[in-house]
């Protein structure tokens, strides 16, 4: 739980790297939407 905050910066860098490599292709958009979905679910679960 406590390791979530430092990972936010790493996730942002990882997402930027994925965007640069895939150039926002369908795969990139798919992974991004899944990430957002899991992020929202985790927020709702924690609340």
PDB file of N, CA and C in Angstrom:
ATOM      1  N   UNK A   1       0.826  -1.199   0.000  1.00  0.00           N
ATOM      2  CA  UNK A   1       0.000   0.000   0.000  1.00  0.00           C
ATOM      3  C   UNK A   1       0.871   1.264   0.000  1.00  0.00           C
ATOM      4  N   UNK A   2       1.906   1.288   0.842  1.00  0.00           N
ATOM      5  CA  UNK A   2       2.750   2.470   0.968  1.00  0.00           C
ATOM      6  C   UNK A   2       3.601   2.700  -0.274  1.00  0.00           C
ATOM      7  N   UNK A   3       3.840   1.634  -1.049  1.00  0.00           N
ATOM      8  CA  UNK A   3       4.703   1.757  -2.226  1.00  0.00           C
ATOM      9  C   UNK A   3       3.958   2.292  -3.439  1.00  0.00           C
ATOM     10  N   UNK A   4       2.673   2.648  -3.268  1.00  0.00           N
ATOM     11  CA  UNK A   4       1.880   3.135  -4.399  1.00  0.00           C
ATOM     12  C   UNK A   4       2.366   4.512  -4.856  1.00  0.00           C
ATOM     13  N   UNK A   5       2.697   5.391  -3.909  1.00  0.00           N
ATOM     14  CA  UNK A   5       3.046   6.769  -4.253  1.00  0.00           C
ATOM     15  C   UNK A   5       4.330   6.887  -5.079  1.00  0.00           C
ATOM     16  N   UNK A   6       5.436   6.214  -4.711  1.00  0.00           N
ATOM     17  CA  UNK A   6       6.639   6.299  -5.553  1.00  0.00           C
ATOM     18  C   UNK A   6       6.425   5.692  -6.933  1.00  0.00           C
ATOM     19  N   UNK A   7       5.526   4.723  -7.034  1.00  0.00           N
ATOM     20  CA  UNK A   7       5.305   4.048  -8.310  1.00  0.00           C
ATOM     21  C   UNK A   7       4.548   4.923  -9.298  1.00  0.00           C
ATOM     22  N   UNK A   8       3.858   5.960  -8.803  1.00  0.00           N
ATOM     23  CA  UNK A   8       3.099   6.827  -9.713  1.00  0.00           C
ATOM     24  C   UNK A   8       4.013   7.467 -10.739  1.00  0.00           C
ATOM     25  N   UNK A   9       5.164   7.989 -10.299  1.00  0.00           N
ATOM     26  CA  UNK A   9       6.121   8.595 -11.223  1.00  0.00           C
ATOM     27  C   UNK A   9       6.666   7.578 -12.209  1.00  0.00           C
ATOM     28  N   UNK A  10       6.961   6.365 -11.708  1.00  0.00           N
ATOM     29  CA  UNK A  10       7.482   5.310 -12.577  1.00  0.00           C
ATOM     30  C   UNK A  10       6.450   4.902 -13.606  1.00  0.00           C
ATOM     31  N   UNK A  11       5.184   4.814 -13.192  1.00  0.00           N
ATOM     32  CA  UNK A  11       4.115   4.453 -14.121  1.00  0.00           C
ATOM     33  C   UNK A  11       3.965   5.516 -15.197  1.00  0.00           C
ATOM     34  N   UNK A  12       4.088   6.774 -14.796  1.00  0.00           N
ATOM     35  CA  UNK A  12       3.963   7.864 -15.768  1.00  0.00           C
ATOM     36  C   UNK A  12       5.073   7.766 -16.808  1.00  0.00           C
ATOM     37  N   UNK A  13       6.298   7.500 -16.355  1.00  0.00           N
ATOM     38  CA  UNK A  13       7.424   7.341 -17.278  1.00  0.00           C
ATOM     39  C   UNK A  13       7.214   6.126 -18.174  1.00  0.00           C
ATOM     40  N   UNK A  14       6.731   5.033 -17.595  1.00  0.00           N
ATOM     41  CA  UNK A  14       6.488   3.818 -18.372  1.00  0.00           C
ATOM     42  C   UNK A  14       5.425   4.058 -19.434  1.00  0.00           C
ATOM     43  N   UNK A  15       4.363   4.775 -19.062  1.00  0.00           N
ATOM     44  CA  UNK A  15       3.298   5.075 -20.022  1.00  0.00           C
ATOM     45  C   UNK A  15       3.820   5.951 -21.149  1.00  0.00           C
ATOM     46  N   UNK A  16       4.670   6.923 -20.817  1.00  0.00           N
ATOM     47  CA  UNK A  16       5.246   7.783 -21.847  1.00  0.00           C
ATOM     48  C   UNK A  16       6.119   6.971 -22.788  1.00  0.00           C
ATOM     49  N   UNK A  17       6.885   6.018 -22.231  1.00  0.00           N
ATOM     50  CA  UNK A  17       7.722   5.160 -23.063  1.00  0.00           C
ATOM     51  C   UNK A  17       6.876   4.301 -23.988  1.00  0.00           C
ATOM     52  N   UNK A  18       5.771   3.769 -23.472  1.00  0.00           N
ATOM     53  CA  UNK A  18       4.868   2.947 -24.280  1.00  0.00           C
ATOM     54  C   UNK A  18       4.263   3.788 -25.401  1.00  0.00           C
ATOM     55  N   UNK A  19       3.847   5.006 -25.069  1.00  0.00           N
ATOM     56  CA  UNK A  19       3.263   5.899 -26.080  1.00  0.00           C
ATOM     57  C   UNK A  19       4.277   6.190 -27.181  1.00  0.00           C
ATOM     58  N   UNK A  20       5.537   6.446 -26.779  1.00  0.00           N
ATOM     59  CA  UNK A  20       6.564   6.766 -27.766  1.00  0.00           C
ATOM     60  C   UNK A  20       6.881   5.569 -28.652  1.00  0.00           C
ATOM     61  N   UNK A  21       6.914   4.373 -28.064  1.00  0.00           N
ATOM     62  CA  UNK A  21       7.268   3.180 -28.837  1.00  0.00           C
ATOM     63  C   UNK A  21       6.159   2.788 -29.803  1.00  0.00           C
ATOM     64  N   UNK A  22       4.924   2.829 -29.324  1.00  0.00           N
ATOM     65  CA  UNK A  22       3.806   2.371 -30.154  1.00  0.00           C
ATOM     66  C   UNK A  22       3.164   3.502 -30.945  1.00  0.00           C
ATOM     67  N   UNK A  23       3.551   4.741 -30.625  1.00  0.00           N
ATOM     68  CA  UNK A  23       3.018   5.921 -31.315  1.00  0.00           C
ATOM     69  C   UNK A  23       1.495   5.938 -31.300  1.00  0.00           C
ATOM     70  N   UNK A  24       0.918   5.647 -30.113  1.00  0.00           N
ATOM     71  CA  UNK A  24      -0.536   5.692 -29.924  1.00  0.00           C
ATOM     72  C   UNK A  24      -1.282   4.833 -30.942  1.00  0.00           C
ATOM     73  N   UNK A  25      -0.789   3.633 -31.153  1.00  0.00           N
ATOM     74  CA  UNK A  25      -1.497   2.696 -32.018  1.00  0.00           C
ATOM     75  C   UNK A  25      -2.674   2.106 -31.254  1.00  0.00           C
ATOM     76  N   UNK A  26      -3.397   1.212 -31.892  1.00  0.00           N
ATOM     77  CA  UNK A  26      -4.555   0.585 -31.246  1.00  0.00           C
ATOM     78  C   UNK A  26      -4.131  -0.155 -29.982  1.00  0.00           C
ATOM     79  N   UNK A  27      -2.973  -0.824 -30.036  1.00  0.00           N
ATOM     80  CA  UNK A  27      -2.476  -1.550 -28.866  1.00  0.00           C
ATOM     81  C   UNK A  27      -2.215  -0.593 -27.717  1.00  0.00           C
ATOM     82  N   UNK A  28      -1.626   0.555 -28.032  1.00  0.00           N
ATOM     83  CA  UNK A  28      -1.320   1.566 -27.021  1.00  0.00           C
ATOM     84  C   UNK A  28      -2.596   2.045 -26.354  1.00  0.00           C
ATOM     85  N   UNK A  29      -3.601   2.359 -27.169  1.00  0.00           N
ATOM     86  CA  UNK A  29      -4.881   2.839 -26.646  1.00  0.00           C
ATOM     87  C   UNK A  29      -5.545   1.758 -25.793  1.00  0.00           C
ATOM     88  N   UNK A  30      -5.445   0.512 -26.235  1.00  0.00           N
ATOM     89  CA  UNK A  30      -6.042  -0.602 -25.499  1.00  0.00           C
ATOM     90  C   UNK A  30      -5.398  -0.742 -24.123  1.00  0.00           C
ATOM     91  N   UNK A  31      -4.060  -0.762 -24.084  1.00  0.00           N
ATOM     92  CA  UNK A  31      -3.355  -0.875 -22.812  1.00  0.00           C
ATOM     93  C   UNK A  31      -3.679   0.307 -21.901  1.00  0.00           C
ATOM     94  N   UNK A  32      -3.760   1.501 -22.484  1.00  0.00           N
ATOM     95  CA  UNK A  32      -4.033   2.700 -21.700  1.00  0.00           C
ATOM     96  C   UNK A  32      -5.427   2.642 -21.088  1.00  0.00           C
ATOM     97  N   UNK A  33      -6.421   2.206 -21.884  1.00  0.00           N
ATOM     98  CA  UNK A  33      -7.792   2.124 -21.376  1.00  0.00           C
ATOM     99  C   UNK A  33      -7.905   1.073 -20.275  1.00  0.00           C
ATOM    100  N   UNK A  34      -7.189  -0.042 -20.428  1.00  0.00           N
ATOM    101  CA  UNK A  34      -7.184  -1.076 -19.389  1.00  0.00           C
ATOM    102  C   UNK A  34      -6.557  -0.529 -18.114  1.00  0.00           C
ATOM    103  N   UNK A  35      -5.453   0.231 -18.268  1.00  0.00           N
ATOM    104  CA  UNK A  35      -4.785   0.831 -17.118  1.00  0.00           C
ATOM    105  C   UNK A  35      -5.721   1.792 -16.384  1.00  0.00           C
ATOM    106  N   UNK A  36      -6.416   2.647 -17.131  1.00  0.00           N
ATOM    107  CA  UNK A  36      -7.364   3.594 -16.541  1.00  0.00           C
ATOM    108  C   UNK A  36      -8.486   2.848 -15.824  1.00  0.00           C
ATOM    109  N   UNK A  37      -8.985   1.783 -16.462  1.00  0.00           N
ATOM    110  CA  UNK A  37     -10.065   0.979 -15.879  1.00  0.00           C
ATOM    111  C   UNK A  37      -9.633   0.381 -14.547  1.00  0.00           C
ATOM    112  N   UNK A  38      -8.444  -0.229 -14.513  1.00  0.00           N
ATOM    113  CA  UNK A  38      -7.940  -0.825 -13.278  1.00  0.00           C
ATOM    114  C   UNK A  38      -7.696   0.245 -12.218  1.00  0.00           C
ATOM    115  N   UNK A  39      -7.227   1.414 -12.652  1.00  0.00           N
ATOM    116  CA  UNK A  39      -6.959   2.517 -11.731  1.00  0.00           C
ATOM    117  C   UNK A  39      -8.246   2.975 -11.058  1.00  0.00           C
ATOM    118  N   UNK A  40      -9.317   3.130 -11.841  1.00  0.00           N
ATOM    119  CA  UNK A  40     -10.616   3.555 -11.309  1.00  0.00           C
ATOM    120  C   UNK A  40     -11.176   2.493 -10.370  1.00  0.00           C
ATOM    121  N   UNK A  41     -11.071   1.228 -10.765  1.00  0.00           N
ATOM    122  CA  UNK A  41     -11.567   0.131  -9.926  1.00  0.00           C
ATOM    123  C   UNK A  41     -10.831   0.116  -8.588  1.00  0.00           C
ATOM    124  N   UNK A  42      -9.503   0.317  -8.619  1.00  0.00           N
ATOM    125  CA  UNK A  42      -8.729   0.300  -7.374  1.00  0.00           C
ATOM    126  C   UNK A  42      -9.113   1.472  -6.476  1.00  0.00           C
ATOM    127  N   UNK A  43      -9.374   2.638  -7.061  1.00  0.00           N
ATOM    128  CA  UNK A  43      -9.800   3.804  -6.270  1.00  0.00           C
ATOM    129  C   UNK A  43     -11.150   3.523  -5.608  1.00  0.00           C
ATOM    130  N   UNK A  44     -12.086   2.983  -6.377  1.00  0.00           N
ATOM    131  CA  UNK A  44     -13.404   2.665  -5.826  1.00  0.00           C
ATOM    132  C   UNK A  44     -13.290   1.604  -4.733  1.00  0.00           C
ATOM    133  N   UNK A  45     -12.374   0.641  -4.931  1.00  0.00           N
ATOM    134  CA  UNK A  45     -12.192  -0.428  -3.952  1.00  0.00           C
ATOM    135  C   UNK A  45     -11.608   0.117  -2.650  1.00  0.00           C
ATOM    136  N   UNK A  46     -10.658   1.040  -2.769  1.00  0.00           N
ATOM    137  CA  UNK A  46     -10.023   1.609  -1.582  1.00  0.00           C
ATOM    138  C   UNK A  46     -10.982   2.519  -0.824  1.00  0.00           C
ATOM    139  N   UNK A  47     -11.878   3.187  -1.541  1.00  0.00           N
ATOM    140  CA  UNK A  47     -12.853   4.055  -0.880  1.00  0.00           C
ATOM    141  C   UNK A  47     -13.998   3.202  -0.344  1.00  0.00           C
TER     142      UNK A  47
END
